[in-house]
Amino acid sequence: VSFVRWYEEPVLARRYGAAYSKYRAAVPGWWPR
């Protein structure tokens, strides 16, 4: 959880921009839809 929160999510946000933001807003991180 720490790795995802403080490393992975910021890197993905920089790399994929709006596409990742939209995906992150729609799909939960840890408990499946």
All heavy atoms as atom14 arrays in JSON, in Angstrom:
{
  "sequence": "VSFVRWYEEPVLARRYGAAYSKYRAAVPGWWPR",
  "atom14_mask": [
    [1, 1, 1, 1, 1, 1, 1, 0, 0, 0, 0, 0, 0, 0],
    [1, 1, 1, 1, 1, 1, 0, 0, 0, 0, 0, 0, 0, 0],
    [1, 1, 1, 1, 1, 1, 1, 1, 1, 1, 1, 0, 0, 0],
    [1, 1, 1, 1, 1, 1, 1, 0, 0, 0, 0, 0, 0, 0],
    [1, 1, 1, 1, 1, 1, 1, 1, 1, 1, 1, 0, 0, 0],
    [1, 1, 1, 1, 1, 1, 1, 1, 1, 1, 1, 1, 1, 1],
    [1, 1, 1, 1, 1, 1, 1, 1, 1, 1, 1, 1, 0, 0],
    [1, 1, 1, 1, 1, 1, 1, 1, 1, 0, 0, 0, 0, 0],
    [1, 1, 1, 1, 1, 1, 1, 1, 1, 0, 0, 0, 0, 0],
    [1, 1, 1, 1, 1, 1, 1, 0, 0, 0, 0, 0, 0, 0],
    [1, 1, 1, 1, 1, 1, 1, 0, 0, 0, 0, 0, 0, 0],
    [1, 1, 1, 1, 1, 1, 1, 1, 0, 0, 0, 0, 0, 0],
    [1, 1, 1, 1, 1, 0, 0, 0, 0, 0, 0, 0, 0, 0],
    [1, 1, 1, 1, 1, 1, 1, 1, 1, 1, 1, 0, 0, 0],
    [1, 1, 1, 1, 1, 1, 1, 1, 1, 1, 1, 0, 0, 0],
    [1, 1, 1, 1, 1, 1, 1, 1, 1, 1, 1, 1, 0, 0],
    [1, 1, 1, 1, 0, 0, 0, 0, 0, 0, 0, 0, 0, 0],
    [1, 1, 1, 1, 1, 0, 0, 0, 0, 0, 0, 0, 0, 0],
    [1, 1, 1, 1, 1, 0, 0, 0, 0, 0, 0, 0, 0, 0],
    [1, 1, 1, 1, 1, 1, 1, 1, 1, 1, 1, 1, 0, 0],
    [1, 1, 1, 1, 1, 1, 0, 0, 0, 0, 0, 0, 0, 0],
    [1, 1, 1, 1, 1, 1, 1, 1, 1, 0, 0, 0, 0, 0],
    [1, 1, 1, 1, 1, 1, 1, 1, 1, 1, 1, 1, 0, 0],
    [1, 1, 1, 1, 1, 1, 1, 1, 1, 1, 1, 0, 0, 0],
    [1, 1, 1, 1, 1, 0, 0, 0, 0, 0, 0, 0, 0, 0],
    [1, 1, 1, 1, 1, 0, 0, 0, 0, 0, 0, 0, 0, 0],
    [1, 1, 1, 1, 1, 1, 1, 0, 0, 0, 0, 0, 0, 0],
    [1, 1, 1, 1, 1, 1, 1, 0, 0, 0, 0, 0, 0, 0],
    [1, 1, 1, 1, 0, 0, 0, 0, 0, 0, 0, 0, 0, 0],
    [1, 1, 1, 1, 1, 1, 1, 1, 1, 1, 1, 1, 1, 1],
    [1, 1, 1, 1, 1, 1, 1, 1, 1, 1, 1, 1, 1, 1],
    [1, 1, 1, 1, 1, 1, 1, 0, 0, 0, 0, 0, 0, 0],
    [1, 1, 1, 1, 1, 1, 1, 1, 1, 1, 1, 0, 0, 0]
  ],
  "atom14_positions": [
    [[0.84, -1.2, 0.0], [0.0, 0.0, 0.0], [0.88, 1.25, 0.0], [0.61, 2.21, -0.74], [-0.99, -0.01, 1.19], [-1.66, 1.34, 1.37], [-2.03, -1.11, 1.01], [0.0, 0.0, 0.0], [0.0, 0.0, 0.0], [0.0, 0.0, 0.0], [0.0, 0.0, 0.0], [0.0, 0.0, 0.0], [0.0, 0.0, 0.0], [0.0, 0.0, 0.0]],
    [[1.93, 1.25, 0.79], [2.84, 2.4, 0.84], [3.53, 2.61, -0.5], [3.62, 3.74, -0.99], [3.9, 2.19, 1.93], [3.28, 2.12, 3.19], [0.0, 0.0, 0.0], [0.0, 0.0, 0.0], [0.0, 0.0, 0.0], [0.0, 0.0, 0.0], [0.0, 0.0, 0.0], [0.0, 0.0, 0.0], [0.0, 0.0, 0.0], [0.0, 0.0, 0.0]],
    [[4.0, 1.53, -1.1], [4.67, 1.63, -2.41], [3.71, 2.19, -3.45], [4.08, 3.09, -4.22], [5.18, 0.25, -2.83], [5.84, 0.25, -4.18], [7.12, 0.76, -4.35], [5.18, -0.26, -5.29], [7.72, 0.76, -5.61], [5.77, -0.26, -6.55], [7.05, 0.25, -6.7], [0.0, 0.0, 0.0], [0.0, 0.0, 0.0], [0.0, 0.0, 0.0]],
    [[2.49, 1.68, -3.49], [1.5, 2.15, -4.46], [1.21, 3.63, -4.24], [1.2, 4.42, -5.18], [0.21, 1.3, -4.39], [-0.93, 1.97, -5.13], [0.46, -0.09, -4.94], [0.0, 0.0, 0.0], [0.0, 0.0, 0.0], [0.0, 0.0, 0.0], [0.0, 0.0, 0.0], [0.0, 0.0, 0.0], [0.0, 0.0, 0.0], [0.0, 0.0, 0.0]],
    [[0.96, 3.99, -3.0], [0.55, 5.37, -2.69], [1.65, 6.39, -2.98], [1.41, 7.43, -3.55], [0.11, 5.45, -1.22], [-0.19, 6.83, -0.71], [-1.46, 7.4, -1.37], [-1.74, 8.73, -0.88], [-1.4, 9.84, -1.51], [-0.77, 9.79, -2.66], [-1.69, 11.01, -1.0], [0.0, 0.0, 0.0], [0.0, 0.0, 0.0], [0.0, 0.0, 0.0]],
    [[2.87, 6.09, -2.56], [3.92, 7.11, -2.62], [4.86, 6.97, -3.81], [5.63, 7.88, -4.08], [4.7, 7.16, -1.31], [3.86, 7.8, -0.24], [3.37, 9.07, -0.24], [3.37, 7.19, 0.94], [2.61, 9.29, 0.88], [2.6, 8.14, 1.64], [3.49, 5.93, 1.5], [1.97, 7.89, 2.84], [2.87, 5.66, 2.7], [2.12, 6.64, 3.36]],
    [[4.81, 5.87, -4.52], [5.66, 5.74, -5.71], [4.84, 5.49, -6.97], [4.86, 6.25, -7.92], [6.71, 4.63, -5.54], [7.48, 4.41, -6.81], [8.5, 5.29, -7.2], [7.16, 3.36, -7.69], [9.17, 5.12, -8.41], [7.83, 3.19, -8.89], [8.83, 4.07, -9.23], [9.49, 3.91, -10.43], [0.0, 0.0, 0.0], [0.0, 0.0, 0.0]],
    [[4.1, 4.39, -6.96], [3.46, 3.93, -8.19], [2.4, 4.9, -8.72], [2.39, 5.21, -9.92], [2.84, 2.55, -7.94], [2.64, 1.74, -9.17], [2.29, 0.31, -8.83], [1.1, 0.04, -8.52], [3.19, -0.55, -8.9], [0.0, 0.0, 0.0], [0.0, 0.0, 0.0], [0.0, 0.0, 0.0], [0.0, 0.0, 0.0], [0.0, 0.0, 0.0]],
    [[1.5, 5.35, -7.87], [0.44, 6.25, -8.34], [0.99, 7.57, -8.89], [0.57, 8.0, -9.97], [-0.6, 6.48, -7.24], [-1.47, 5.26, -7.01], [-2.46, 5.42, -5.87], [-2.33, 6.38, -5.08], [-3.37, 4.58, -5.79], [0.0, 0.0, 0.0], [0.0, 0.0, 0.0], [0.0, 0.0, 0.0], [0.0, 0.0, 0.0], [0.0, 0.0, 0.0]],
    [[1.94, 8.22, -8.22], [2.49, 9.45, -8.81], [3.21, 9.2, -10.15], [3.09, 10.01, -11.07], [3.48, 9.96, -7.75], [2.98, 9.37, -6.46], [2.41, 8.03, -6.84], [0.0, 0.0, 0.0], [0.0, 0.0, 0.0], [0.0, 0.0, 0.0], [0.0, 0.0, 0.0], [0.0, 0.0, 0.0], [0.0, 0.0, 0.0], [0.0, 0.0, 0.0]],
    [[3.92, 8.08, -10.26], [4.61, 7.77, -11.51], [3.61, 7.53, -12.63], [3.76, 8.03, -13.75], [5.56, 6.56, -11.33], [6.03, 6.01, -12.67], [6.74, 6.94, -10.46], [0.0, 0.0, 0.0], [0.0, 0.0, 0.0], [0.0, 0.0, 0.0], [0.0, 0.0, 0.0], [0.0, 0.0, 0.0], [0.0, 0.0, 0.0], [0.0, 0.0, 0.0]],
    [[2.56, 6.76, -12.35], [1.54, 6.5, -13.37], [0.81, 7.78, -13.76], [0.49, 7.98, -14.93], [0.56, 5.44, -12.87], [1.13, 4.03, -12.73], [0.12, 3.11, -12.05], [1.55, 3.47, -14.07], [0.0, 0.0, 0.0], [0.0, 0.0, 0.0], [0.0, 0.0, 0.0], [0.0, 0.0, 0.0], [0.0, 0.0, 0.0], [0.0, 0.0, 0.0]],
    [[0.55, 8.63, -12.8], [-0.13, 9.9, -13.1], [0.73, 10.76, -14.03], [0.22, 11.37, -14.98], [-0.44, 10.64, -11.81], [0.0, 0.0, 0.0], [0.0, 0.0, 0.0], [0.0, 0.0, 0.0], [0.0, 0.0, 0.0], [0.0, 0.0, 0.0], [0.0, 0.0, 0.0], [0.0, 0.0, 0.0], [0.0, 0.0, 0.0], [0.0, 0.0, 0.0]],
    [[2.03, 10.81, -13.79], [2.93, 11.58, -14.66], [3.04, 10.95, -16.05], [3.03, 11.64, -17.06], [4.32, 11.7, -14.04], [4.43, 12.74, -12.96], [5.86, 13.02, -12.57], [6.6, 11.84, -12.12], [6.6, 11.38, -10.87], [5.91, 11.99, -9.94], [7.32, 10.32, -10.55], [0.0, 0.0, 0.0], [0.0, 0.0, 0.0], [0.0, 0.0, 0.0]],
    [[3.13, 9.64, -16.07], [3.36, 8.93, -17.34], [2.12, 8.91, -18.23], [2.23, 9.06, -19.44], [3.83, 7.5, -17.05], [4.18, 6.72, -18.3], [4.87, 5.43, -17.94], [5.18, 4.66, -19.11], [6.34, 4.67, -19.75], [7.32, 5.42, -19.3], [6.53, 3.93, -20.82], [0.0, 0.0, 0.0], [0.0, 0.0, 0.0], [0.0, 0.0, 0.0]],
    [[0.95, 8.69, -17.65], [-0.26, 8.49, -18.45], [-1.29, 9.62, -18.31], [-2.33, 9.57, -18.97], [-0.9, 7.15, -18.13], [0.04, 5.99, -18.38], [0.58, 5.27, -17.32], [0.39, 5.63, -19.67], [1.45, 4.21, -17.55], [1.27, 4.58, -19.91], [1.79, 3.88, -18.84], [2.65, 2.84, -19.07], [0.0, 0.0, 0.0], [0.0, 0.0, 0.0]],
    [[-1.04, 10.58, -17.47], [-1.86, 11.78, -17.36], [-3.35, 11.55, -17.14], [-3.75, 10.82, -16.24], [0.0, 0.0, 0.0], [0.0, 0.0, 0.0], [0.0, 0.0, 0.0], [0.0, 0.0, 0.0], [0.0, 0.0, 0.0], [0.0, 0.0, 0.0], [0.0, 0.0, 0.0], [0.0, 0.0, 0.0], [0.0, 0.0, 0.0], [0.0, 0.0, 0.0]],
    [[-4.15, 12.18, -18.0], [-5.61, 12.15, -17.86], [-6.18, 10.73, -17.95], [-7.16, 10.42, -17.28], [-6.26, 13.05, -18.9], [0.0, 0.0, 0.0], [0.0, 0.0, 0.0], [0.0, 0.0, 0.0], [0.0, 0.0, 0.0], [0.0, 0.0, 0.0], [0.0, 0.0, 0.0], [0.0, 0.0, 0.0], [0.0, 0.0, 0.0], [0.0, 0.0, 0.0]],
    [[-5.57, 9.89, -18.77], [-6.07, 8.51, -18.9], [-5.98, 7.78, -17.56], [-6.91, 7.08, -17.16], [-5.28, 7.76, -19.97], [0.0, 0.0, 0.0], [0.0, 0.0, 0.0], [0.0, 0.0, 0.0], [0.0, 0.0, 0.0], [0.0, 0.0, 0.0], [0.0, 0.0, 0.0], [0.0, 0.0, 0.0], [0.0, 0.0, 0.0], [0.0, 0.0, 0.0]],
    [[-4.87, 7.97, -16.85], [-4.73, 7.33, -15.55], [-5.67, 7.96, -14.53], [-6.27, 7.26, -13.72], [-3.29, 7.38, -15.04], [-3.14, 6.72, -13.68], [-3.29, 5.35, -13.53], [-2.91, 7.49, -12.54], [-3.18, 4.74, -12.3], [-2.8, 6.89, -11.3], [-2.94, 5.52, -11.18], [-2.85, 4.93, -9.94], [0.0, 0.0, 0.0], [0.0, 0.0, 0.0]],
    [[-5.83, 9.27, -14.57], [-6.73, 9.94, -13.63], [-8.16, 9.42, -13.79], [-8.84, 9.16, -12.8], [-6.7, 11.45, -13.84], [-5.44, 11.95, -13.51], [0.0, 0.0, 0.0], [0.0, 0.0, 0.0], [0.0, 0.0, 0.0], [0.0, 0.0, 0.0], [0.0, 0.0, 0.0], [0.0, 0.0, 0.0], [0.0, 0.0, 0.0], [0.0, 0.0, 0.0]],
    [[-8.6, 9.29, -15.02], [-9.95, 8.77, -15.29], [-10.08, 7.33, -14.79], [-11.05, 6.96, -14.13], [-10.25, 8.84, -16.78], [-11.63, 8.35, -17.15], [-11.87, 8.45, -18.64], [-13.23, 7.87, -18.99], [-13.45, 7.84, -20.43], [0.0, 0.0, 0.0], [0.0, 0.0, 0.0], [0.0, 0.0, 0.0], [0.0, 0.0, 0.0], [0.0, 0.0, 0.0]],
    [[-9.08, 6.51, -15.09], [-9.07, 5.11, -14.66], [-9.06, 5.03, -13.12], [-9.84, 4.29, -12.53], [-7.84, 4.42, -15.25], [-7.62, 3.01, -14.74], [-8.5, 1.99, -15.06], [-6.51, 2.71, -13.97], [-8.29, 0.7, -14.6], [-6.28, 1.43, -13.52], [-7.17, 0.42, -13.83], [-6.95, -0.85, -13.38], [0.0, 0.0, 0.0], [0.0, 0.0, 0.0]],
    [[-8.21, 5.81, -12.5], [-8.09, 5.79, -11.03], [-9.4, 6.21, -10.35], [-9.78, 5.67, -9.32], [-6.95, 6.69, -10.59], [-6.69, 6.64, -9.12], [-5.47, 7.43, -8.75], [-5.31, 7.39, -7.3], [-4.75, 8.35, -6.61], [-4.25, 9.41, -7.2], [-4.65, 8.24, -5.32], [0.0, 0.0, 0.0], [0.0, 0.0, 0.0], [0.0, 0.0, 0.0]],
    [[-10.09, 7.16, -10.95], [-11.36, 7.61, -10.38], [-12.46, 6.56, -10.51], [-13.38, 6.51, -9.69], [-11.8, 8.91, -11.05], [0.0, 0.0, 0.0], [0.0, 0.0, 0.0], [0.0, 0.0, 0.0], [0.0, 0.0, 0.0], [0.0, 0.0, 0.0], [0.0, 0.0, 0.0], [0.0, 0.0, 0.0], [0.0, 0.0, 0.0], [0.0, 0.0, 0.0]],
    [[-12.36, 5.71, -11.52], [-13.43, 4.75, -11.81], [-13.2, 3.35, -11.22], [-14.17, 2.63, -10.96], [-13.6, 4.62, -13.32], [0.0, 0.0, 0.0], [0.0, 0.0, 0.0], [0.0, 0.0, 0.0], [0.0, 0.0, 0.0], [0.0, 0.0, 0.0], [0.0, 0.0, 0.0], [0.0, 0.0, 0.0], [0.0, 0.0, 0.0], [0.0, 0.0, 0.0]],
    [[-11.95, 2.98, -11.01], [-11.65, 1.61, -10.58], [-10.96, 1.65, -9.22], [-9.94, 2.31, -9.05], [-10.74, 0.9, -11.62], [-10.41, -0.52, -11.18], [-11.43, 0.88, -12.98], [0.0, 0.0, 0.0], [0.0, 0.0, 0.0], [0.0, 0.0, 0.0], [0.0, 0.0, 0.0], [0.0, 0.0, 0.0], [0.0, 0.0, 0.0], [0.0, 0.0, 0.0]],
    [[-11.52, 0.92, -8.24], [-10.91, 0.92, -6.9], [-9.53, 0.25, -6.89], [-9.25, -0.63, -7.71], [-11.9, 0.14, -6.04], [-12.8, -0.57, -6.99], [-12.71, 0.1, -8.31], [0.0, 0.0, 0.0], [0.0, 0.0, 0.0], [0.0, 0.0, 0.0], [0.0, 0.0, 0.0], [0.0, 0.0, 0.0], [0.0, 0.0, 0.0], [0.0, 0.0, 0.0]],
    [[-8.71, 0.68, -5.97], [-7.35, 0.16, -5.89], [-7.25, -1.23, -5.28], [-6.44, -2.04, -5.71], [0.0, 0.0, 0.0], [0.0, 0.0, 0.0], [0.0, 0.0, 0.0], [0.0, 0.0, 0.0], [0.0, 0.0, 0.0], [0.0, 0.0, 0.0], [0.0, 0.0, 0.0], [0.0, 0.0, 0.0], [0.0, 0.0, 0.0], [0.0, 0.0, 0.0]],
    [[-8.09, -1.52, -4.28], [-7.85, -2.73, -3.5], [-9.06, -3.66, -3.37], [-8.89, -4.83, -3.09], [-7.35, -2.35, -2.11], [-6.09, -1.56, -2.21], [-5.97, -0.2, -2.16], [-4.78, -2.06, -2.46], [-4.66, 0.17, -2.35], [-3.9, -0.96, -2.53], [-4.24, -3.34, -2.62], [-2.55, -1.09, -2.75], [-2.89, -3.47, -2.84], [-2.05, -2.35, -2.9]],
    [[-10.24, -3.15, -3.52], [-11.44, -3.99, -3.4], [-12.16, -3.98, -4.75], [-12.62, -2.94, -5.17], [-12.35, -3.48, -2.29], [-13.37, -4.47, -1.91], [-14.69, -4.46, -2.28], [-13.2, -5.64, -1.12], [-15.35, -5.54, -1.76], [-14.44, -6.3, -1.04], [-12.11, -6.22, -0.47], [-14.62, -7.48, -0.34], [-12.3, -7.39, 0.22], [-13.53, -8.01, 0.29]],
    [[-12.25, -5.12, -5.43], [-12.76, -5.13, -6.81], [-14.19, -4.63, -6.97], [-15.04, -4.8, -6.09], [-12.7, -6.62, -7.19], [-11.72, -7.22, -6.24], [-11.83, -6.43, -4.97], [0.0, 0.0, 0.0], [0.0, 0.0, 0.0], [0.0, 0.0, 0.0], [0.0, 0.0, 0.0], [0.0, 0.0, 0.0], [0.0, 0.0, 0.0], [0.0, 0.0, 0.0]],
    [[-14.43, -4.01, -8.12], [-15.78, -3.63, -8.55], [-16.55, -4.91, -8.84], [-15.96, -5.93, -9.17], [-15.73, -2.85, -9.87], [-15.09, -1.51, -9.82], [-14.85, -0.99, -11.26], [-16.06, -0.99, -12.07], [-16.72, 0.1, -12.43], [-16.29, 1.28, -12.04], [-17.79, 0.03, -13.17], [0.0, 0.0, 0.0], [0.0, 0.0, 0.0], [0.0, 0.0, 0.0]]
  ]
}
